Amino acid sequence: MKLNVVTLENKAAGEVELADAIFGLTPRKDILQRVVEWQRSKRRAGTHKTKDRSEVSGTGKKPFKQKGTGNARQGTLRAPQHEGGGRAHGPVVRSHAYDLPKKVRKLGMRHALSAKQAEGKLIVVDSLAVKAAKTKNMAANFKKLGLTKPLIIGGEKLEEGFAKAARNLVGVDVLPMQGANVYDILRHKELVLTKEAALALQARLA
């Protein structure tokens, strides 16, 4: 497929040829859901923790004798059934990360890119170079391009002036091409790729 390339001022800057196998698929929600859940699980801190019966404060003395009281036998007041006792089967510090096959991850990226293309929310720009790194100018350019909450993916090394000018705008994220991921693509309304990034992603996912 051929996509139009524009400048940051929304002026025509030629075309770029992109593969249908990467940007022209029919998006599969099941693949996207698998990759997003995998990414979000990796991001979880896993620092949730409750105290069990060995960690709560209290005596280890037997509350009362085993027989003759008429009460249910008890071994400690730190058991979960007592007030102030430890939590039974509570959460512990752990990693929530798990493995996902590389083929599925690559397929998820293809479907995420295809989803944005299918929605008409994929924009290819020639470059992120700016003459004046001003947030006001950047906001005006985004308005010309019809961007409201975009993810912008640049080359291997981001234009420092562009990144500084865009970081104060609400809802705008800028990533180098090696940081492109399914979750960030899907959670933004628009996807802006530089021509360099589009071709690099195509080569990476081929």
Protein backbone atom coordinates (compact mmCIF):
# COMPACT_ATOMS: atom_id res chain seq x y z
CA MET A 1 0.00 0.00 0.00
CA LYS A 2 1.04 3.60 -0.52
CA LEU A 3 0.59 6.23 2.17
CA ASN A 4 0.98 9.96 1.82
CA VAL A 5 3.84 11.57 3.71
CA VAL A 6 3.32 15.04 5.17
CA THR A 7 5.37 17.59 7.05
CA LEU A 8 4.62 18.74 10.59
CA GLU A 9 2.84 21.71 8.99
CA ASN A 10 0.57 19.24 7.13
CA LYS A 11 2.09 19.91 3.72
CA ALA A 12 2.59 17.13 1.15
CA ALA A 13 6.03 15.52 1.21
CA GLY A 14 5.67 12.54 -1.12
CA GLU A 15 4.64 8.93 -0.54
CA VAL A 16 5.94 5.82 1.17
CA GLU A 17 5.37 2.18 0.16
CA LEU A 18 4.34 -0.02 3.10
CA ALA A 19 3.63 -3.74 3.22
CA ASP A 20 0.02 -4.93 3.42
CA ALA A 21 1.19 -7.84 5.60
CA ILE A 22 2.15 -5.35 8.32
CA PHE A 23 -0.08 -2.29 7.83
CA GLY A 24 -3.03 -3.81 5.96
CA LEU A 25 -4.23 -6.74 8.10
CA THR A 26 -7.75 -7.13 9.44
CA PRO A 27 -7.18 -6.43 13.16
CA ARG A 28 -7.72 -9.39 15.51
CA LYS A 29 -8.87 -8.35 18.97
CA ASP A 30 -7.81 -11.65 20.54
CA ILE A 31 -4.17 -11.18 19.50
CA LEU A 32 -4.15 -7.54 20.64
CA GLN A 33 -5.69 -8.51 23.99
CA ARG A 34 -3.05 -11.19 24.60
CA VAL A 35 -0.18 -8.80 23.94
CA VAL A 36 -1.67 -5.95 25.99
CA GLU A 37 -2.27 -8.23 28.99
CA TRP A 38 1.29 -9.55 28.69
CA GLN A 39 2.68 -5.99 28.66
CA ARG A 40 0.55 -4.83 31.57
CA SER A 41 1.48 -7.89 33.64
CA LYS A 42 5.18 -7.13 33.14
CA ARG A 43 4.61 -3.56 34.32
CA ARG A 44 2.96 -4.56 37.60
CA ALA A 45 5.11 -3.83 40.64
CA GLY A 46 4.00 -6.94 42.50
CA THR A 47 4.74 -5.30 45.86
CA HIS A 48 1.38 -6.23 47.44
CA LYS A 49 1.86 -7.97 50.77
CA THR A 50 -0.06 -8.95 53.90
CA LYS A 51 1.28 -10.44 57.14
CA ASP A 52 0.69 -14.10 57.82
CA ARG A 53 0.48 -15.74 61.26
CA SER A 54 4.27 -15.91 61.60
CA GLU A 55 4.65 -12.14 61.06
CA VAL A 56 1.92 -10.50 63.15
CA SER A 57 2.65 -9.24 66.65
CA GLY A 58 1.44 -11.41 69.50
CA THR A 59 2.24 -14.28 71.82
CA GLY A 60 2.69 -17.86 70.78
CA LYS A 61 1.22 -19.15 74.02
CA LYS A 62 -1.73 -21.52 73.85
CA PRO A 63 -4.86 -19.45 74.77
CA PHE A 64 -6.41 -22.13 76.99
CA LYS A 65 -6.05 -25.81 77.66
CA GLN A 66 -6.94 -28.31 74.97
CA LYS A 67 -9.84 -30.05 76.76
CA GLY A 68 -12.50 -29.31 79.30
CA THR A 69 -13.47 -25.73 78.42
CA GLY A 70 -16.24 -26.49 75.95
CA ASN A 71 -14.63 -24.20 73.40
CA ALA A 72 -13.09 -25.16 70.07
CA ARG A 73 -9.44 -26.06 70.50
CA GLN A 74 -7.00 -23.23 69.76
CA GLY A 75 -3.23 -23.22 69.37
CA THR A 76 -2.49 -19.50 69.03
CA LEU A 77 -4.18 -16.11 69.00
CA ARG A 78 -2.20 -15.20 65.90
CA ALA A 79 -4.23 -17.60 63.73
CA PRO A 80 -6.37 -16.04 60.95
CA GLN A 81 -9.71 -16.67 62.70
CA HIS A 82 -8.77 -14.32 65.57
CA GLU A 83 -8.98 -10.56 65.53
CA GLY A 84 -5.48 -9.21 64.94
CA GLY A 85 -4.33 -12.55 63.59
CA GLY A 86 -2.42 -13.12 60.37
CA ARG A 87 -4.07 -13.13 56.96
CA ALA A 88 -4.73 -16.56 55.45
CA HIS A 89 -3.56 -17.01 51.86
CA GLY A 90 -2.88 -13.28 51.44
CA PRO A 91 -0.92 -11.73 48.56
CA VAL A 92 2.87 -11.96 48.64
CA VAL A 93 5.59 -10.01 46.84
CA ARG A 94 6.05 -11.60 43.42
CA SER A 95 6.54 -10.93 39.74
CA HIS A 96 3.44 -11.02 37.53
CA ALA A 97 5.48 -11.37 34.33
CA TYR A 98 5.09 -14.41 32.11
CA ASP A 99 6.40 -15.49 28.73
CA LEU A 100 4.67 -14.80 25.44
CA PRO A 101 5.99 -16.32 22.19
CA LYS A 102 7.94 -13.89 20.04
CA LYS A 103 5.73 -14.75 17.06
CA VAL A 104 2.64 -13.61 18.97
CA ARG A 105 4.35 -10.38 20.05
CA LYS A 106 5.33 -9.55 16.45
CA LEU A 107 1.85 -10.45 15.25
CA GLY A 108 0.36 -8.16 17.89
CA MET A 109 2.47 -5.24 16.65
CA ARG A 110 1.36 -5.90 13.07
CA HIS A 111 -2.29 -5.91 14.10
CA ALA A 112 -1.88 -2.75 16.21
CA LEU A 113 -0.36 -0.88 13.25
CA SER A 114 -3.06 -2.27 10.95
CA ALA A 115 -5.78 -1.18 13.40
CA LYS A 116 -4.59 2.43 13.32
CA GLN A 117 -4.34 2.34 9.54
CA ALA A 118 -7.85 0.87 9.24
CA GLU A 119 -9.23 3.65 11.46
CA GLY A 120 -7.52 6.31 9.36
CA LYS A 121 -5.51 7.33 12.43
CA LEU A 122 -2.04 6.55 11.05
CA ILE A 123 -0.03 9.57 9.88
CA VAL A 124 3.43 9.41 8.33
CA VAL A 125 5.59 12.54 8.56
CA ASP A 126 8.86 13.15 6.77
CA SER A 127 10.77 14.31 9.85
CA LEU A 128 10.42 15.58 13.42
CA ALA A 129 13.02 18.33 12.93
CA VAL A 130 11.73 21.76 14.03
CA LYS A 131 13.23 25.21 13.56
CA ALA A 132 11.88 26.64 16.81
CA ALA A 133 11.37 24.23 19.71
CA LYS A 134 8.31 26.00 21.10
CA THR A 135 5.35 24.23 22.66
CA LYS A 136 3.02 26.87 21.20
CA ASN A 137 4.27 26.15 17.68
CA MET A 138 3.99 22.40 18.27
CA ALA A 139 0.37 22.73 19.45
CA ALA A 140 -0.45 24.70 16.28
CA ASN A 141 1.16 22.02 14.09
CA PHE A 142 -0.76 19.26 15.87
CA LYS A 143 -3.99 21.16 15.28
CA LYS A 144 -3.21 21.36 11.55
CA LEU A 145 -2.64 17.60 11.51
CA GLY A 146 -5.86 16.97 13.46
CA LEU A 147 -4.06 15.38 16.40
CA THR A 148 -5.69 15.28 19.84
CA LYS A 149 -3.96 12.48 21.77
CA PRO A 150 -1.16 11.15 19.58
CA LEU A 151 1.68 8.72 20.07
CA ILE A 152 4.62 9.95 18.01
CA ILE A 153 7.34 7.47 17.08
CA GLY A 154 10.54 8.94 15.71
CA GLY A 155 13.83 7.53 14.52
CA GLU A 156 16.46 5.67 16.48
CA LYS A 157 17.42 8.94 18.14
CA LEU A 158 14.72 11.53 18.86
CA GLU A 159 15.00 15.13 17.80
CA GLU A 160 15.78 16.81 21.12
CA GLY A 161 14.01 20.08 20.25
CA PHE A 162 10.83 18.28 19.18
CA ALA A 163 10.78 16.11 22.30
CA LYS A 164 11.17 19.15 24.56
CA ALA A 165 8.46 21.11 22.76
CA ALA A 166 5.97 18.22 22.79
CA ARG A 167 6.43 16.99 26.36
CA ASN A 168 4.32 19.81 27.86
CA LEU A 169 1.28 18.94 25.74
CA VAL A 170 -1.36 16.87 27.52
CA GLY A 171 -1.95 13.42 26.05
CA VAL A 172 1.11 13.49 23.78
CA ASP A 173 3.82 10.82 24.06
CA VAL A 174 7.02 10.65 22.02
CA LEU A 175 9.05 7.44 21.67
CA PRO A 176 12.09 6.35 19.67
CA MET A 177 11.31 3.57 17.18
CA GLN A 178 12.88 0.89 19.41
CA GLY A 179 10.32 1.79 22.10
CA ALA A 180 7.28 1.14 19.89
CA ASN A 181 4.83 -1.20 21.62
CA VAL A 182 1.27 -2.44 21.23
CA TYR A 183 -0.15 -1.03 24.47
CA ASP A 184 0.97 2.55 23.85
CA ILE A 185 -0.19 2.43 20.22
CA LEU A 186 -3.68 1.30 21.19
CA ARG A 187 -4.19 3.67 24.13
CA HIS A 188 -3.55 6.77 21.99
CA LYS A 189 -6.09 8.10 19.52
CA GLU A 190 -3.61 8.73 16.71
CA LEU A 191 -0.30 7.19 15.68
CA VAL A 192 2.32 9.40 14.03
CA LEU A 193 5.34 7.69 12.47
CA THR A 194 8.29 9.30 10.81
CA LYS A 195 9.11 7.82 7.41
CA GLU A 196 12.27 6.37 8.96
CA ALA A 197 10.31 4.74 11.79
CA ALA A 198 7.67 3.28 9.44
CA LEU A 199 10.31 1.62 7.26
CA ALA A 200 12.30 0.44 10.30
CA LEU A 201 9.19 -1.15 11.88
CA GLN A 202 8.38 -2.78 8.58
CA ALA A 203 11.86 -4.30 8.41
CA ARG A 204 11.65 -5.41 12.05
CA LEU A 205 8.28 -7.14 11.60
CA ALA A 206 8.88 -8.66 8.18
